[in-house]
Amino acid sequence: MNRIHRRLIDTLYTEAMLLADEARGYFDAAGREERSTLDAITRVAFSCESLKVTTRLMHVIAWLLTQRAIDCGELPAREALDPSRRLGEAPESDADLTGRMPAQARSIIDASIDLHRRASHLDRAQAGEVEVESPARAMMARLNRAF
């Protein structure tokens, strides 16, 4: 694993752990109070979304720990391509329902979706499912098209 990839993994890991702590704190305390002010359907959706956030974050953290294990030599790099070690799909959220939730809940939900999306892109790139183009080559191609 190169230094840039290692830094990226470490940064994402830190972000995931901080978001997990924020989500736990919110959904266990302030979120409960805010949830009680919601209508019945939105209360159920709120509870489901807290589980979806947890699922997304745990998938990302497990994937990042696999990346770190490979970096430390605890796992061979080919192990990251095993389906059991891949990131996996994130649970979908209903934008209409999440739009009715308190601002902090929406912020945490959106952050977990974004973090999973970024980790998913890295996972797919690692598996060769996404073509990763050099930024310099992309710029050269744009310049060639322009002139």
Protein backbone atom coordinates (compact mmCIF):
# COMPACT_ATOMS: atom_id res chain seq x y z
CA MET A 1 0.00 0.00 0.00
CA ASN A 2 1.50 3.34 -0.92
CA ARG A 3 1.76 6.28 1.48
CA ILE A 4 -1.08 8.22 -0.11
CA HIS A 5 -3.43 5.23 0.08
CA ARG A 6 -2.38 4.59 3.69
CA ARG A 7 -3.10 8.23 4.62
CA LEU A 8 -6.46 8.06 2.89
CA ILE A 9 -7.40 4.88 4.75
CA ASP A 10 -6.24 6.37 8.07
CA THR A 11 -8.20 9.58 7.43
CA LEU A 12 -11.35 7.67 6.52
CA TYR A 13 -10.92 5.46 9.58
CA THR A 14 -10.68 8.50 11.85
CA GLU A 15 -13.70 10.06 10.16
CA ALA A 16 -15.69 6.84 10.52
CA MET A 17 -14.85 6.46 14.20
CA LEU A 18 -15.74 10.09 14.96
CA LEU A 19 -19.02 9.78 13.06
CA ALA A 20 -19.82 6.51 14.84
CA ASP A 21 -19.25 8.21 18.19
CA GLU A 22 -21.37 11.20 17.16
CA ALA A 23 -24.16 8.92 15.93
CA ARG A 24 -24.12 6.83 19.09
CA GLY A 25 -24.23 9.92 21.27
CA TYR A 26 -27.02 11.50 19.28
CA PHE A 27 -29.27 8.47 18.81
CA ASP A 28 -28.83 7.41 22.46
CA ALA A 29 -29.50 10.84 24.00
CA ALA A 30 -30.65 13.99 22.19
CA GLY A 31 -32.15 11.98 19.36
CA ARG A 32 -34.49 10.18 21.71
CA GLU A 33 -35.92 13.47 22.92
CA GLU A 34 -36.29 14.80 19.38
CA ARG A 35 -37.80 11.51 18.22
CA SER A 36 -40.61 11.82 20.76
CA THR A 37 -41.83 15.01 19.04
CA LEU A 38 -42.27 13.27 15.67
CA ASP A 39 -45.42 11.67 14.25
CA ALA A 40 -45.70 7.86 14.52
CA ILE A 41 -44.47 7.00 11.00
CA THR A 42 -41.52 9.36 11.25
CA ARG A 43 -40.64 7.94 14.70
CA VAL A 44 -40.44 4.44 13.22
CA ALA A 45 -38.41 5.75 10.27
CA PHE A 46 -36.12 7.56 12.73
CA SER A 47 -35.43 4.28 14.55
CA CYS A 48 -34.81 2.50 11.25
CA GLU A 49 -32.45 5.24 10.11
CA SER A 50 -30.41 4.94 13.30
CA LEU A 51 -29.93 1.24 12.48
CA LYS A 52 -29.04 2.06 8.87
CA VAL A 53 -26.43 4.59 10.00
CA THR A 54 -24.93 1.99 12.33
CA THR A 55 -24.90 -0.62 9.56
CA ARG A 56 -23.22 1.72 7.08
CA LEU A 57 -20.60 2.76 9.59
CA MET A 58 -19.82 -0.75 10.76
CA HIS A 59 -19.42 -1.94 7.16
CA VAL A 60 -17.05 0.94 6.43
CA ILE A 61 -15.05 0.42 9.64
CA ALA A 62 -14.71 -3.33 8.98
CA TRP A 63 -13.54 -2.62 5.43
CA LEU A 64 -11.05 -0.02 6.65
CA LEU A 65 -9.70 -2.44 9.27
CA THR A 66 -9.15 -4.98 6.48
CA GLN A 67 -7.19 -2.35 4.55
CA ARG A 68 -5.08 -1.61 7.62
CA ALA A 69 -4.44 -5.33 8.19
CA ILE A 70 -3.19 -5.65 4.63
CA ASP A 71 -0.98 -2.59 5.09
CA CYS A 72 0.55 -4.11 8.25
CA GLY A 73 1.17 -7.43 6.50
CA GLU A 74 -1.38 -9.32 8.58
CA LEU A 75 -3.36 -10.24 5.44
CA PRO A 76 -2.19 -10.74 1.87
CA ALA A 77 -3.51 -8.06 -0.53
CA ARG A 78 -5.53 -10.63 -2.49
CA GLU A 79 -7.66 -11.19 0.64
CA ALA A 80 -9.19 -7.74 0.15
CA LEU A 81 -10.81 -9.02 -3.05
CA ASP A 82 -12.59 -11.89 -1.30
CA PRO A 83 -16.34 -11.12 -1.29
CA SER A 84 -16.46 -11.52 2.50
CA ARG A 85 -13.90 -8.72 2.85
CA ARG A 86 -15.45 -6.35 0.33
CA LEU A 87 -17.46 -3.36 1.54
CA GLY A 88 -20.93 -4.52 0.58
CA GLU A 89 -24.05 -2.56 -0.16
CA ALA A 90 -25.38 0.19 2.06
CA PRO A 91 -29.00 0.22 3.21
CA GLU A 92 -31.05 2.76 1.25
CA SER A 93 -32.66 5.75 2.94
CA ASP A 94 -35.93 7.35 1.87
CA ALA A 95 -35.23 11.03 1.22
CA ASP A 96 -38.86 11.98 1.88
CA LEU A 97 -38.81 10.39 5.33
CA THR A 98 -35.34 11.62 6.28
CA GLY A 99 -36.36 15.11 5.17
CA ARG A 100 -38.93 15.15 8.00
CA MET A 101 -36.36 14.32 10.66
CA PRO A 102 -34.51 16.75 12.93
CA ALA A 103 -31.54 18.56 11.36
CA GLN A 104 -28.89 16.71 13.37
CA ALA A 105 -30.35 13.32 12.44
CA ARG A 106 -30.36 14.31 8.75
CA SER A 107 -26.77 15.51 9.03
CA ILE A 108 -25.60 12.21 10.54
CA ILE A 109 -27.57 10.16 8.01
CA ASP A 110 -26.16 12.17 5.09
CA ALA A 111 -22.61 11.93 6.47
CA SER A 112 -22.88 8.14 6.79
CA ILE A 113 -24.19 7.85 3.22
CA ASP A 114 -21.35 10.03 1.92
CA LEU A 115 -18.69 8.12 3.85
CA HIS A 116 -20.00 4.78 2.59
CA ARG A 117 -20.11 6.12 -0.98
CA ARG A 118 -16.46 7.21 -0.80
CA ALA A 119 -15.31 3.92 0.71
CA SER A 120 -17.35 2.05 -1.91
CA HIS A 121 -15.57 3.92 -4.69
CA LEU A 122 -12.20 2.89 -3.22
CA ASP A 123 -13.35 -0.71 -2.82
CA ARG A 124 -14.54 -0.88 -6.44
CA ALA A 125 -11.33 0.77 -7.69
CA GLN A 126 -9.24 -1.73 -5.73
CA ALA A 127 -11.19 -4.59 -7.31
CA GLY A 128 -10.67 -3.10 -10.76
CA GLU A 129 -14.37 -2.31 -11.19
CA VAL A 130 -13.74 1.42 -11.62
CA GLU A 131 -11.26 2.89 -14.02
CA VAL A 132 -9.05 5.28 -12.10
CA GLU A 133 -7.60 7.94 -14.36
CA SER A 134 -4.62 10.05 -13.45
CA PRO A 135 -5.69 13.67 -12.77
CA ALA A 136 -2.78 14.86 -14.92
CA ARG A 137 -3.88 12.66 -17.84
CA ALA A 138 -7.46 13.86 -17.45
CA MET A 139 -6.29 17.48 -17.63
CA MET A 140 -4.15 16.73 -20.70
CA ALA A 141 -7.15 15.12 -22.39
CA ARG A 142 -9.32 18.17 -21.62
CA LEU A 143 -6.63 20.48 -23.02
CA ASN A 144 -6.34 18.36 -26.17
CA ARG A 145 -10.10 18.52 -26.69
CA ALA A 146 -10.13 22.27 -26.13
CA PHE A 147 -7.36 22.98 -28.63
